[in-house]
Amino acid sequence: MTREDLQPKWEEILTKGYSDYSQLTKAERIWYNVEPLITDGLIDHYVNYGAEHNIETLEDLEFLGCTGIADLIRKFNSLFPDGIPPKDIDERNDLMGEWDDKYDSLTDQLEEDFWDKSGELEEVLLIHINRSIK
């Protein structure tokens, strides 16, 4: 099935994840964490809600065999104190706002590298969804 065919199921998973993330199955969690990367990109993972589950997203990317993208996230994480982005979106955005232009070239390059690999990630995620989500 295509991502368009799966839209109703995706909406169910979003509702479930927003209301109680811990209730997602492993297969659902992978979709919940990885789909926004595919549609929004790496920087938006941090600016928006994705980085609240940064550690789990790394685990999910590794599970899918997408180590290259996981490495990009690790490099982005290294810009935060202790290499860990805050779970709180406001705190995370405040820290990123303090970077000024200091990391612009690096974050731009990481974003570009992400988009170069995103097609493969999309294919791998779709295979996972079709095998694992009922």
Protein backbone atom coordinates (compact mmCIF):
# COMPACT_ATOMS: atom_id res chain seq x y z
CA MET A 1 0.00 0.00 0.00
CA THR A 2 1.09 3.57 -0.60
CA ARG A 3 1.43 6.26 2.04
CA GLU A 4 -1.79 7.79 0.71
CA ASP A 5 -3.61 4.48 1.20
CA LEU A 6 -2.27 4.35 4.74
CA GLN A 7 -3.39 7.88 5.70
CA PRO A 8 -6.33 6.75 7.90
CA LYS A 9 -4.03 4.44 9.87
CA TRP A 10 -1.43 7.21 10.16
CA GLU A 11 -4.06 9.50 11.66
CA GLU A 12 -4.96 6.80 14.21
CA ILE A 13 -1.31 6.45 15.19
CA LEU A 14 -0.93 10.23 15.51
CA THR A 15 -3.94 10.41 17.81
CA LYS A 16 -2.64 7.53 19.89
CA GLY A 17 0.89 8.95 20.06
CA TYR A 18 -0.27 12.44 21.04
CA SER A 19 -2.55 11.14 23.75
CA ASP A 20 -0.20 8.51 25.21
CA TYR A 21 3.11 7.89 23.45
CA SER A 22 3.87 4.93 25.70
CA GLN A 23 0.88 3.04 24.28
CA LEU A 24 2.35 2.90 20.77
CA THR A 25 3.57 -0.52 19.70
CA LYS A 26 7.19 -0.70 18.52
CA ALA A 27 6.02 -0.74 14.88
CA GLU A 28 3.71 2.23 15.45
CA ARG A 29 6.40 4.14 17.33
CA ILE A 30 8.80 3.76 14.42
CA TRP A 31 6.25 5.20 12.03
CA TYR A 32 5.30 7.96 14.48
CA ASN A 33 8.93 9.02 14.95
CA VAL A 34 10.23 8.64 11.39
CA GLU A 35 7.36 9.96 9.27
CA PRO A 36 7.82 13.58 10.42
CA LEU A 37 11.49 13.42 9.44
CA ILE A 38 10.50 12.43 5.91
CA THR A 39 7.94 15.19 5.55
CA ASP A 40 9.60 18.00 7.53
CA GLY A 41 13.34 17.39 7.51
CA LEU A 42 16.09 17.31 10.06
CA ILE A 43 16.01 20.90 11.36
CA ASP A 44 12.25 20.74 11.90
CA HIS A 45 12.81 17.60 13.99
CA TYR A 46 14.35 19.94 16.55
CA VAL A 47 12.27 23.08 15.99
CA ASN A 48 8.98 21.19 16.16
CA TYR A 49 7.85 18.24 18.25
CA GLY A 50 10.11 15.43 16.94
CA ALA A 51 13.04 15.88 19.28
CA GLU A 52 10.91 15.14 22.33
CA HIS A 53 11.53 11.53 21.31
CA ASN A 54 15.03 12.00 19.92
CA ILE A 55 16.54 8.95 21.63
CA GLU A 56 13.71 6.71 20.46
CA THR A 57 13.98 8.13 16.94
CA LEU A 58 17.66 7.21 16.88
CA GLU A 59 16.79 3.68 18.03
CA ASP A 60 14.08 3.45 15.37
CA LEU A 61 16.39 4.61 12.58
CA GLU A 62 18.99 2.06 13.65
CA PHE A 63 16.29 -0.64 13.72
CA LEU A 64 15.36 0.28 10.14
CA GLY A 65 19.04 0.12 9.13
CA CYS A 66 19.24 3.86 8.45
CA THR A 67 22.50 4.43 10.31
CA GLY A 68 23.53 7.29 8.03
CA ILE A 69 20.51 9.36 9.00
CA ALA A 70 20.93 8.39 12.65
CA ASP A 71 24.50 9.70 12.41
CA LEU A 72 23.23 13.03 11.07
CA ILE A 73 20.95 13.32 14.09
CA ARG A 74 23.84 12.48 16.41
CA LYS A 75 25.92 15.25 14.80
CA PHE A 76 23.05 17.71 15.25
CA ASN A 77 22.63 16.54 18.86
CA SER A 78 26.29 17.33 19.52
CA LEU A 79 25.46 21.03 19.19
CA PHE A 80 23.41 20.88 22.41
CA PRO A 81 24.93 20.84 25.91
CA ASP A 82 26.09 17.31 26.72
CA GLY A 83 24.99 16.29 23.21
CA ILE A 84 21.37 15.94 24.30
CA PRO A 85 18.59 18.16 22.93
CA PRO A 86 16.12 19.20 25.63
CA LYS A 87 12.79 17.40 25.53
CA ASP A 88 11.03 20.69 26.16
CA ILE A 89 10.37 22.39 22.82
CA ASP A 90 10.69 25.92 24.23
CA GLU A 91 13.98 25.18 25.96
CA ARG A 92 15.30 23.50 22.80
CA ASN A 93 14.29 26.43 20.61
CA ASP A 94 15.76 28.93 23.08
CA LEU A 95 19.11 27.14 22.89
CA MET A 96 18.97 27.01 19.11
CA GLY A 97 18.11 30.72 19.05
CA GLU A 98 21.31 31.43 21.01
CA TRP A 99 23.41 29.79 18.29
CA ASP A 100 23.02 32.89 16.09
CA ASP A 101 25.01 32.20 12.93
CA LYS A 102 27.56 30.06 14.75
CA TYR A 103 26.27 26.72 13.45
CA ASP A 104 24.40 27.80 10.31
CA SER A 105 26.79 26.21 7.82
CA LEU A 106 26.88 22.95 9.79
CA THR A 107 23.10 22.70 10.27
CA ASP A 108 22.55 23.62 6.62
CA GLN A 109 24.96 20.88 5.55
CA LEU A 110 23.32 18.32 7.84
CA GLU A 111 19.92 19.27 6.41
CA GLU A 112 21.22 18.93 2.85
CA ASP A 113 22.78 15.55 3.67
CA PHE A 114 19.49 14.46 5.21
CA TRP A 115 17.49 15.33 2.08
CA ASP A 116 20.05 13.43 -0.02
CA LYS A 117 19.22 10.30 2.04
CA SER A 118 15.52 10.91 2.63
CA GLY A 119 14.28 8.97 -0.41
CA GLU A 120 15.89 5.81 0.90
CA LEU A 121 14.42 6.44 4.34
CA GLU A 122 10.97 6.84 2.83
CA GLU A 123 11.29 3.52 0.97
CA VAL A 124 12.51 1.68 4.08
CA LEU A 125 9.73 3.14 6.22
CA LEU A 126 7.06 2.16 3.71
CA ILE A 127 8.36 -1.42 3.67
CA HIS A 128 8.30 -1.43 7.48
CA ILE A 129 4.74 -0.11 7.56
CA ASN A 130 3.46 -2.63 5.04
CA ARG A 131 5.11 -5.50 6.93
CA SER A 132 4.33 -4.42 10.47
CA ILE A 133 1.23 -2.27 10.70
CA LYS A 134 -2.17 -3.95 10.40
